[in-house]
C-alpha atoms as a PDB file:
ATOM      1  CA  MET A   1      76.882-111.523 -23.924  1.00  0.00           C
ATOM      2  CA  THR A   2      77.930-109.282 -21.035  1.00  0.00           C
ATOM      3  CA  ASP A   3      81.502-108.973 -19.807  1.00  0.00           C
ATOM      4  CA  THR A   4      80.650-110.989 -16.690  1.00  0.00           C
ATOM      5  CA  GLN A   5      79.123-113.738 -18.807  1.00  0.00           C
ATOM      6  CA  LYS A   6      82.238-113.842 -21.000  1.00  0.00           C
ATOM      7  CA  ILE A   7      84.478-114.056 -17.935  1.00  0.00           C
ATOM      8  CA  ARG A   8      82.334-116.792 -16.380  1.00  0.00           C
ATOM      9  CA  SER A   9      82.245-118.741 -19.633  1.00  0.00           C
ATOM     10  CA  PHE A  10      86.038-118.541 -19.966  1.00  0.00           C
ATOM     11  CA  ILE A  11      86.585-119.781 -16.397  1.00  0.00           C
ATOM     12  CA  LEU A  12      84.034-122.572 -16.760  1.00  0.00           C
ATOM     13  CA  ASP A  13      85.381-123.756 -20.121  1.00  0.00           C
ATOM     14  CA  THR A  14      89.093-123.378 -19.387  1.00  0.00           C
ATOM     15  CA  PHE A  15      89.390-124.478 -15.770  1.00  0.00           C
ATOM     16  CA  LEU A  16      86.236-126.365 -14.765  1.00  0.00           C
ATOM     17  CA  PHE A  17      85.596-128.043 -18.146  1.00  0.00           C
ATOM     18  CA  THR A  18      81.874-127.394 -18.015  1.00  0.00           C
ATOM     19  CA  ASP A  19      79.323-125.007 -19.463  1.00  0.00           C
ATOM     20  CA  ASP A  20      77.058-125.178 -16.399  1.00  0.00           C
ATOM     21  CA  PRO A  21      76.863-121.632 -14.993  1.00  0.00           C
ATOM     22  CA  SER A  22      75.713-122.971 -11.619  1.00  0.00           C
ATOM     23  CA  ALA A  23      79.151-124.586 -11.137  1.00  0.00           C
ATOM     24  CA  LEU A  24      80.586-121.246 -10.017  1.00  0.00           C
ATOM     25  CA  ALA A  25      79.022-118.332  -8.131  1.00  0.00           C
ATOM     26  CA  ASP A  26      80.127-114.805  -9.044  1.00  0.00           C
ATOM     27  CA  ASP A  27      81.787-114.236  -5.672  1.00  0.00           C
ATOM     28  CA  GLU A  28      83.457-117.649  -5.235  1.00  0.00           C
ATOM     29  CA  SER A  29      87.226-117.423  -4.856  1.00  0.00           C
ATOM     30  CA  PHE A  30      89.192-119.054  -7.656  1.00  0.00           C
ATOM     31  CA  LEU A  31      92.121-119.601  -5.283  1.00  0.00           C
ATOM     32  CA  ASP A  32      90.102-120.979  -2.346  1.00  0.00           C
ATOM     33  CA  ARG A  33      88.353-123.469  -4.630  1.00  0.00           C
ATOM     34  CA  GLY A  34      91.611-124.434  -6.316  1.00  0.00           C
ATOM     35  CA  ILE A  35      90.285-123.409  -9.715  1.00  0.00           C
ATOM     36  CA  ILE A  36      93.221-121.235 -10.765  1.00  0.00           C
ATOM     37  CA  ASP A  37      96.906-121.558  -9.942  1.00  0.00           C
ATOM     38  CA  SER A  38      99.735-119.236 -10.989  1.00  0.00           C
ATOM     39  CA  THR A  39      99.708-120.551 -14.543  1.00  0.00           C
ATOM     40  CA  GLY A  40      95.949-120.127 -14.648  1.00  0.00           C
ATOM     41  CA  VAL A  41      96.322-116.484 -13.625  1.00  0.00           C
ATOM     42  CA  LEU A  42      98.536-115.955 -16.656  1.00  0.00           C
ATOM     43  CA  GLU A  43      95.905-117.592 -18.878  1.00  0.00           C
ATOM     44  CA  LEU A  44      93.242-115.323 -17.371  1.00  0.00           C
ATOM     45  CA  VAL A  45      95.431-112.262 -17.978  1.00  0.00           C
ATOM     46  CA  MET A  46      95.982-113.263 -21.613  1.00  0.00           C
ATOM     47  CA  PHE A  47      92.231-113.725 -22.034  1.00  0.00           C
ATOM     48  CA  LEU A  48      91.473-110.286 -20.566  1.00  0.00           C
ATOM     49  CA  GLU A  49      94.067-108.581 -22.719  1.00  0.00           C
ATOM     50  CA  GLU A  50      92.965-110.317 -25.918  1.00  0.00           C
ATOM     51  CA  GLU A  51      89.203-110.329 -25.374  1.00  0.00           C
ATOM     52  CA  PHE A  52      88.772-106.887 -23.811  1.00  0.00           C
ATOM     53  CA  GLY A  53      91.827-104.979 -25.015  1.00  0.00           C
ATOM     54  CA  VAL A  54      93.055-103.998 -21.554  1.00  0.00           C
ATOM     55  CA  PHE A  55      96.636-104.094 -20.311  1.00  0.00           C
ATOM     56  CA  VAL A  56      97.221-105.979 -17.060  1.00  0.00           C
ATOM     57  CA  ASP A  57     100.442-104.945 -15.374  1.00  0.00           C
ATOM     58  CA  ASP A  58     102.265-106.652 -12.510  1.00  0.00           C
ATOM     59  CA  ALA A  59     100.633-104.411  -9.891  1.00  0.00           C
ATOM     60  CA  ASP A  60      97.222-105.719 -11.013  1.00  0.00           C
ATOM     61  CA  LEU A  61      98.077-109.352 -10.245  1.00  0.00           C
ATOM     62  CA  THR A  62      96.321-109.465  -6.883  1.00  0.00           C
ATOM     63  CA  PRO A  63      93.486-111.555  -5.472  1.00  0.00           C
ATOM     64  CA  GLU A  64      91.466-108.358  -5.084  1.00  0.00           C
ATOM     65  CA  SER A  65      91.522-107.961  -8.858  1.00  0.00           C
ATOM     66  CA  LEU A  66      91.522-111.502 -10.206  1.00  0.00           C
ATOM     67  CA  ASP A  67      90.068-113.952  -7.663  1.00  0.00           C
ATOM     68  CA  SER A  68      86.414-114.269  -8.658  1.00  0.00           C
ATOM     69  CA  VAL A  69      84.083-113.533 -11.530  1.00  0.00           C
ATOM     70  CA  SER A  70      82.880-110.437  -9.637  1.00  0.00           C
ATOM     71  CA  SER A  71      86.362-109.138  -8.864  1.00  0.00           C
ATOM     72  CA  VAL A  72      87.524-109.659 -12.458  1.00  0.00           C
ATOM     73  CA  GLY A  73      84.435-107.818 -13.718  1.00  0.00           C
ATOM     74  CA  ALA A  74      85.090-104.914 -11.345  1.00  0.00           C
ATOM     75  CA  PHE A  75      88.765-104.896 -12.343  1.00  0.00           C
ATOM     76  CA  LEU A  76      87.798-104.761 -16.006  1.00  0.00           C
ATOM     77  CA  ALA A  77      85.431-101.848 -15.358  1.00  0.00           C
ATOM     78  CA  ARG A  78      88.210 -99.936 -13.547  1.00  0.00           C
ATOM     79  CA  LYS A  79      90.663-100.554 -16.380  1.00  0.00           C
ATOM     80  CA  ARG A  80      88.212 -99.277 -18.959  1.00  0.00           C
ATOM     81  CA  ALA A  81      87.316 -96.125 -16.981  1.00  0.00           C
END
């Protein structure tokens, strides 16, 4: 399973309560769709830190980094580089 697939699966299971990958496009905004709130961001951060072994600091908590499957995947790639 790729990183993007893991991220998508986490979002679908945790916030949308489905396993249907068509329920969320890679570039759909979590905030605009009301999928993730502030508590959800913390859950996403915990998932990223535990699943991928990256550290997410306060400066990383931005929509540019954590607002879609694509942006989270790009964020993860930057953190690993």
